[in-house]
Amino acid sequence: MDERLCDMKSEVFKVNRIDDLEYLTIPAFERAGITNHCFSTRLGGVSKGIYESMNLGFNRGDLDENVRKNFEILCSSVGINYKDLVFSDQVHRDVIKVVTSKDKGKGIFRESDIEGVDGLITNESKVPLVTFYADCVPIYFLDPVKKVIGLTHSGWRGTVQKIASKTVEKMVSEFSSNVDDILCCIGPSIGPCCFEVESEVVDEFKKVFNTEEQDKVIKKKTKNKYLIDLWTANKLILLDVGINNENITITDICTNCNKDQMFSHRGTGGERGSLAAIMELK
């Protein structure tokens, strides 16, 4: 395996390359040594056309057998049994579900009863969690002391609902995690360079961030056009719930700016596949 800084000039992630396959890993999580994890790129799979090539979304119109093969390729490289994957069912809300070994395979080989869920957490080994992306923010959580992991999908709606802090609170309430121990990573997603919105979305952010925070998160472009920094917004949410600044890895990869390597919903007008965040306790 050839590990190097990725072509997208990231100083945050490593890219792991096996033939045509590329996937990102988080150095802080690797140092902890108790997870198998990755964030996919669009490279190294078998899908064709607008899904080329590592599409991991069953609901995009791609052939199911291609998607399953893509999961098999990626997961075998990461050290995860793709038949055990547990899928989220993302609806841009703030529900976090505890999953166990009883949930293995739900979404990929078994019908799933996991509905309306944007975050998954577990303290069981070999229960690989999956959340899906094409601009929204993936957030990884790892408590290396109590051995708890979580993955949360935080689009702008999830961000203003503070799903990131609710995930931390769920780890504390369910598994007695100490916030001082929790490592977090805000993963590749649409960046502050590209997430342009109108005043209706800005108004939702103003409801949950104070004036000082708004200055860090919201930048005005024109009369009714603004840029929102979802990376900073989620970092502020994590800091507010007690996560230590030094325990937060924050991405420098914008999916919209890197459409050759990443799927971007906004960048392709919805003509795209899906990326995935995947993580399990060893």
Protein backbone atom coordinates (compact mmCIF):
# COMPACT_ATOMS: atom_id res chain seq x y z
CA MET A 1 0.00 0.00 0.00
CA ASP A 2 1.29 3.44 -0.94
CA GLU A 3 0.33 6.12 1.58
CA ARG A 4 0.87 9.77 0.76
CA LEU A 5 -0.72 13.16 1.05
CA CYS A 6 -3.66 13.19 -1.31
CA ASP A 7 -3.73 14.84 -4.72
CA MET A 8 -6.19 17.40 -3.36
CA LYS A 9 -3.28 18.97 -1.46
CA SER A 10 -4.69 18.02 1.91
CA GLU A 11 -2.53 18.49 4.97
CA VAL A 12 -5.15 16.74 7.11
CA PHE A 13 -5.78 13.30 5.60
CA LYS A 14 -3.69 10.53 4.16
CA VAL A 15 -4.70 8.90 0.90
CA ASN A 16 -4.32 5.14 0.68
CA ARG A 17 -3.80 3.88 -2.87
CA ILE A 18 -4.17 0.33 -4.14
CA ASP A 19 -4.13 0.22 -7.94
CA ASP A 20 -6.95 2.60 -8.94
CA LEU A 21 -8.58 2.64 -5.52
CA GLU A 22 -8.10 5.69 -3.30
CA TYR A 23 -9.56 6.30 0.14
CA LEU A 24 -8.81 8.73 2.93
CA THR A 25 -7.87 7.92 6.51
CA ILE A 26 -7.58 10.13 9.59
CA PRO A 27 -4.09 10.21 11.17
CA ALA A 28 -5.38 10.88 14.70
CA PHE A 29 -7.68 7.87 14.48
CA GLU A 30 -4.93 5.70 13.06
CA ARG A 31 -2.69 6.60 15.98
CA ALA A 32 -5.38 5.42 18.39
CA GLY A 33 -5.06 2.03 16.71
CA ILE A 34 -8.49 0.60 17.55
CA THR A 35 -10.54 1.30 14.41
CA ASN A 36 -10.73 0.38 10.78
CA HIS A 37 -12.06 3.44 9.01
CA CYS A 38 -12.09 5.40 5.77
CA PHE A 39 -13.72 8.10 3.73
CA SER A 40 -14.20 6.99 0.14
CA THR A 41 -13.32 8.88 -2.99
CA ARG A 42 -15.02 8.29 -6.33
CA LEU A 43 -11.97 6.32 -7.55
CA GLY A 44 -11.41 2.58 -7.81
CA GLY A 45 -14.84 1.06 -8.32
CA VAL A 46 -16.76 -0.62 -11.14
CA SER A 47 -19.66 1.81 -11.71
CA LYS A 48 -20.02 3.62 -15.02
CA GLY A 49 -21.29 6.92 -16.39
CA ILE A 50 -22.25 9.56 -13.85
CA TYR A 51 -21.53 7.00 -11.09
CA GLU A 52 -17.93 6.44 -12.14
CA SER A 53 -16.54 4.65 -10.41
CA MET A 54 -16.74 4.06 -6.63
CA ASN A 55 -20.44 4.82 -6.18
CA LEU A 56 -21.64 3.60 -2.77
CA GLY A 57 -25.28 4.70 -3.00
CA PHE A 58 -28.02 2.19 -3.77
CA ASN A 59 -30.59 4.95 -4.23
CA ARG A 60 -28.89 6.84 -7.05
CA GLY A 61 -29.97 4.67 -10.00
CA ASP A 62 -26.80 2.62 -10.32
CA LEU A 63 -26.95 -1.17 -10.60
CA ASP A 64 -27.17 -2.82 -7.18
CA GLU A 65 -24.52 -5.38 -8.11
CA ASN A 66 -22.09 -2.58 -8.93
CA VAL A 67 -22.67 -0.89 -5.59
CA ARG A 68 -22.17 -4.13 -3.67
CA LYS A 69 -18.98 -4.83 -5.63
CA ASN A 70 -17.74 -1.33 -4.81
CA PHE A 71 -18.32 -1.93 -1.12
CA GLU A 72 -16.53 -5.26 -1.37
CA ILE A 73 -13.50 -3.64 -3.05
CA LEU A 74 -13.26 -0.77 -0.58
CA CYS A 75 -14.00 -2.69 2.60
CA SER A 76 -11.60 -5.52 1.81
CA SER A 77 -8.83 -2.92 1.47
CA VAL A 78 -9.75 -1.31 4.79
CA GLY A 79 -10.05 -4.62 6.64
CA ILE A 80 -13.83 -4.60 7.08
CA ASN A 81 -16.31 -7.37 6.20
CA TYR A 82 -18.65 -5.61 3.79
CA LYS A 83 -21.42 -8.10 4.52
CA ASP A 84 -21.61 -6.72 8.08
CA LEU A 85 -22.12 -3.04 7.16
CA VAL A 86 -24.85 -1.14 9.02
CA PHE A 87 -26.38 1.67 6.96
CA SER A 88 -27.88 4.90 8.19
CA ASP A 89 -31.11 6.26 6.69
CA GLN A 90 -30.42 9.96 6.41
CA VAL A 91 -33.26 12.50 6.47
CA HIS A 92 -31.40 15.66 7.57
CA ARG A 93 -32.60 15.41 11.17
CA ASP A 94 -30.89 14.90 14.53
CA VAL A 95 -31.67 11.29 15.46
CA ILE A 96 -28.73 9.14 16.62
CA LYS A 97 -29.17 5.38 17.01
CA VAL A 98 -27.16 2.88 19.04
CA VAL A 99 -26.50 -0.19 16.91
CA THR A 100 -25.19 -3.63 17.84
CA SER A 101 -24.11 -6.88 16.24
CA LYS A 102 -27.80 -7.67 15.75
CA ASP A 103 -27.88 -4.92 13.12
CA LYS A 104 -25.07 -6.29 10.95
CA GLY A 105 -25.90 -6.30 7.26
CA LYS A 106 -28.85 -3.93 7.50
CA GLY A 107 -29.07 -1.89 4.33
CA ILE A 108 -26.71 -3.94 2.20
CA PHE A 109 -27.80 -7.58 2.54
CA ARG A 110 -30.73 -7.37 4.96
CA GLU A 111 -33.84 -5.25 5.00
CA SER A 112 -33.30 -2.44 7.46
CA ASP A 113 -35.56 -1.08 10.16
CA ILE A 114 -33.14 1.80 10.77
CA GLU A 115 -35.27 4.70 9.59
CA GLY A 116 -35.00 8.46 9.98
CA VAL A 117 -31.51 8.16 11.45
CA ASP A 118 -28.61 10.50 10.64
CA GLY A 119 -26.14 9.24 13.24
CA LEU A 120 -24.96 5.82 14.38
CA ILE A 121 -22.93 4.87 17.48
CA THR A 122 -21.73 1.58 18.92
CA ASN A 123 -19.37 0.14 21.51
CA GLU A 124 -19.23 -3.30 19.90
CA SER A 125 -16.30 -4.48 17.82
CA LYS A 126 -16.73 -5.57 14.20
CA VAL A 127 -19.96 -3.57 13.74
CA PRO A 128 -19.06 -1.29 10.80
CA LEU A 129 -21.08 1.93 10.59
CA VAL A 130 -21.85 3.68 7.29
CA THR A 131 -23.08 7.18 6.49
CA PHE A 132 -23.40 8.67 2.98
CA TYR A 133 -22.32 11.95 1.36
CA ALA A 134 -22.01 14.14 -1.70
CA ASP A 135 -21.43 17.58 -0.08
CA CYS A 136 -22.90 17.25 3.45
CA VAL A 137 -20.54 17.02 6.41
CA PRO A 138 -19.38 13.65 7.76
CA ILE A 139 -18.35 13.72 11.42
CA TYR A 140 -16.37 10.86 12.94
CA PHE A 141 -16.31 10.24 16.70
CA LEU A 142 -13.93 8.01 18.64
CA ASP A 143 -13.64 7.47 22.38
CA PRO A 144 -10.43 5.42 22.67
CA VAL A 145 -10.85 4.97 26.43
CA LYS A 146 -14.38 3.54 26.61
CA LYS A 147 -14.01 2.20 23.04
CA VAL A 148 -17.01 3.86 21.46
CA ILE A 149 -17.37 5.10 17.88
CA GLY A 150 -19.89 7.19 16.01
CA LEU A 151 -20.61 8.52 12.53
CA THR A 152 -22.94 11.45 11.97
CA HIS A 153 -24.30 13.03 8.80
CA SER A 154 -24.53 16.80 9.26
CA GLY A 155 -25.91 18.78 6.33
CA TRP A 156 -26.89 22.36 6.95
CA ARG A 157 -30.15 21.26 8.55
CA GLY A 158 -28.35 18.80 10.79
CA THR A 159 -25.82 21.48 11.64
CA VAL A 160 -28.42 23.99 12.85
CA GLN A 161 -30.03 21.14 14.83
CA LYS A 162 -26.57 20.56 16.38
CA ILE A 163 -26.53 16.86 15.63
CA ALA A 164 -22.78 16.82 16.33
CA SER A 165 -23.23 17.83 19.97
CA LYS A 166 -26.18 15.46 20.31
CA THR A 167 -23.95 12.61 19.14
CA VAL A 168 -21.44 13.45 21.85
CA GLU A 169 -24.20 13.63 24.44
CA LYS A 170 -25.48 10.23 23.30
CA MET A 171 -22.01 8.73 23.72
CA VAL A 172 -21.87 10.15 27.23
CA SER A 173 -25.36 9.02 28.24
CA GLU A 174 -25.24 5.55 26.66
CA PHE A 175 -21.64 4.55 27.27
CA SER A 176 -20.34 6.96 29.96
CA SER A 177 -17.82 8.54 27.60
CA ASN A 178 -15.81 11.46 28.95
CA VAL A 179 -15.88 14.40 26.52
CA ASP A 180 -12.20 15.03 27.25
CA ASP A 181 -11.36 11.67 25.67
CA ILE A 182 -13.42 11.94 22.48
CA LEU A 183 -11.64 12.48 19.16
CA CYS A 184 -13.64 14.05 16.33
CA CYS A 185 -13.06 14.55 12.63
CA ILE A 186 -15.04 16.89 10.39
CA GLY A 187 -14.64 15.18 7.02
CA PRO A 188 -14.60 16.17 3.34
CA SER A 189 -17.67 18.15 2.34
CA ILE A 190 -18.67 21.33 0.58
CA GLY A 191 -16.40 24.08 1.84
CA PRO A 192 -16.81 27.72 2.85
CA CYS A 193 -15.56 28.56 -0.64
CA CYS A 194 -18.57 26.98 -2.35
CA PHE A 195 -21.58 26.63 -0.04
CA GLU A 196 -23.60 29.58 -1.29
CA VAL A 197 -27.07 30.10 0.20
CA GLU A 198 -29.79 32.72 0.37
CA SER A 199 -31.11 34.60 3.37
CA GLU A 200 -33.65 31.92 4.35
CA VAL A 201 -30.85 29.50 5.22
CA VAL A 202 -28.80 32.22 6.90
CA ASP A 203 -31.77 33.01 9.14
CA GLU A 204 -31.71 29.42 10.43
CA PHE A 205 -28.03 29.76 11.38
CA LYS A 206 -28.69 33.08 13.11
CA LYS A 207 -31.18 31.32 15.38
CA VAL A 208 -28.54 29.02 16.86
CA PHE A 209 -25.23 30.94 16.64
CA ASN A 210 -24.49 34.13 18.55
CA THR A 211 -23.23 37.28 16.83
CA GLU A 212 -19.54 36.47 17.32
CA GLU A 213 -20.05 32.95 15.98
CA GLN A 214 -22.09 34.23 13.03
CA ASP A 215 -19.13 36.37 11.96
CA LYS A 216 -17.05 33.17 11.72
CA VAL A 217 -19.68 31.10 9.94
CA ILE A 218 -21.52 33.51 7.60
CA LYS A 219 -19.94 35.67 4.89
CA LYS A 220 -22.08 38.02 2.80
CA LYS A 221 -21.47 38.02 -0.96
CA THR A 222 -24.26 40.10 -2.47
CA LYS A 223 -27.65 41.43 -1.39
CA ASN A 224 -29.19 37.99 -0.95
CA LYS A 225 -26.21 35.63 -1.38
CA TYR A 226 -24.07 34.34 1.44
CA LEU A 227 -21.35 31.76 2.00
CA ILE A 228 -21.77 29.39 4.95
CA ASP A 229 -18.77 27.68 6.59
CA LEU A 230 -20.16 24.32 7.71
CA TRP A 231 -16.71 23.19 8.87
CA THR A 232 -16.34 26.03 11.35
CA ALA A 233 -20.00 25.80 12.37
CA ASN A 234 -19.60 22.15 13.35
CA LYS A 235 -16.29 22.81 15.08
CA LEU A 236 -17.96 25.52 17.19
CA ILE A 237 -20.74 23.07 18.07
CA LEU A 238 -18.19 20.45 19.15
CA LEU A 239 -16.24 22.97 21.22
CA ASP A 240 -19.45 24.13 22.87
CA VAL A 241 -20.31 20.59 23.99
CA GLY A 242 -16.87 20.25 25.58
CA ILE A 243 -14.67 18.57 22.95
CA ASN A 244 -11.08 19.73 23.26
CA ASN A 245 -9.79 21.82 20.37
CA GLU A 246 -6.72 19.61 19.99
CA ASN A 247 -9.00 16.57 19.61
CA ILE A 248 -10.76 17.97 16.53
CA THR A 249 -9.50 17.25 13.02
CA ILE A 250 -11.08 19.63 10.52
CA THR A 251 -11.05 18.93 6.81
CA ASP A 252 -9.42 21.03 4.13
CA ILE A 253 -11.06 19.15 1.23
CA CYS A 254 -14.07 20.70 -0.51
CA THR A 255 -16.08 18.14 -2.45
CA ASN A 256 -17.29 20.75 -4.94
CA CYS A 257 -13.73 21.89 -5.68
CA ASN A 258 -12.53 18.31 -6.17
CA LYS A 259 -15.16 16.76 -8.41
CA ASP A 260 -12.57 14.57 -10.15
CA GLN A 261 -11.96 12.76 -6.87
CA MET A 262 -15.22 13.35 -4.98
CA PHE A 263 -18.93 13.24 -5.74
CA SER A 264 -20.58 16.65 -5.33
CA HIS A 265 -24.35 17.06 -5.52
CA ARG A 266 -24.13 20.78 -6.04
CA GLY A 267 -21.23 20.52 -8.45
CA THR A 268 -23.03 18.09 -10.76
CA GLY A 269 -26.63 19.23 -10.40
CA GLY A 270 -27.45 15.97 -8.66
CA GLU A 271 -26.03 13.76 -11.44
CA ARG A 272 -23.69 11.76 -9.23
CA GLY A 273 -22.98 8.77 -7.02
CA SER A 274 -22.46 8.73 -3.27
CA LEU A 275 -19.38 8.77 -1.07
CA ALA A 276 -19.33 7.01 2.29
CA ALA A 277 -17.79 7.30 5.72
CA ILE A 278 -17.16 3.83 7.16
CA MET A 279 -15.78 2.90 10.59
CA GLU A 280 -15.67 -0.05 12.96
CA LEU A 281 -13.98 -0.94 16.21
CA LYS A 282 -11.40 -3.66 15.62
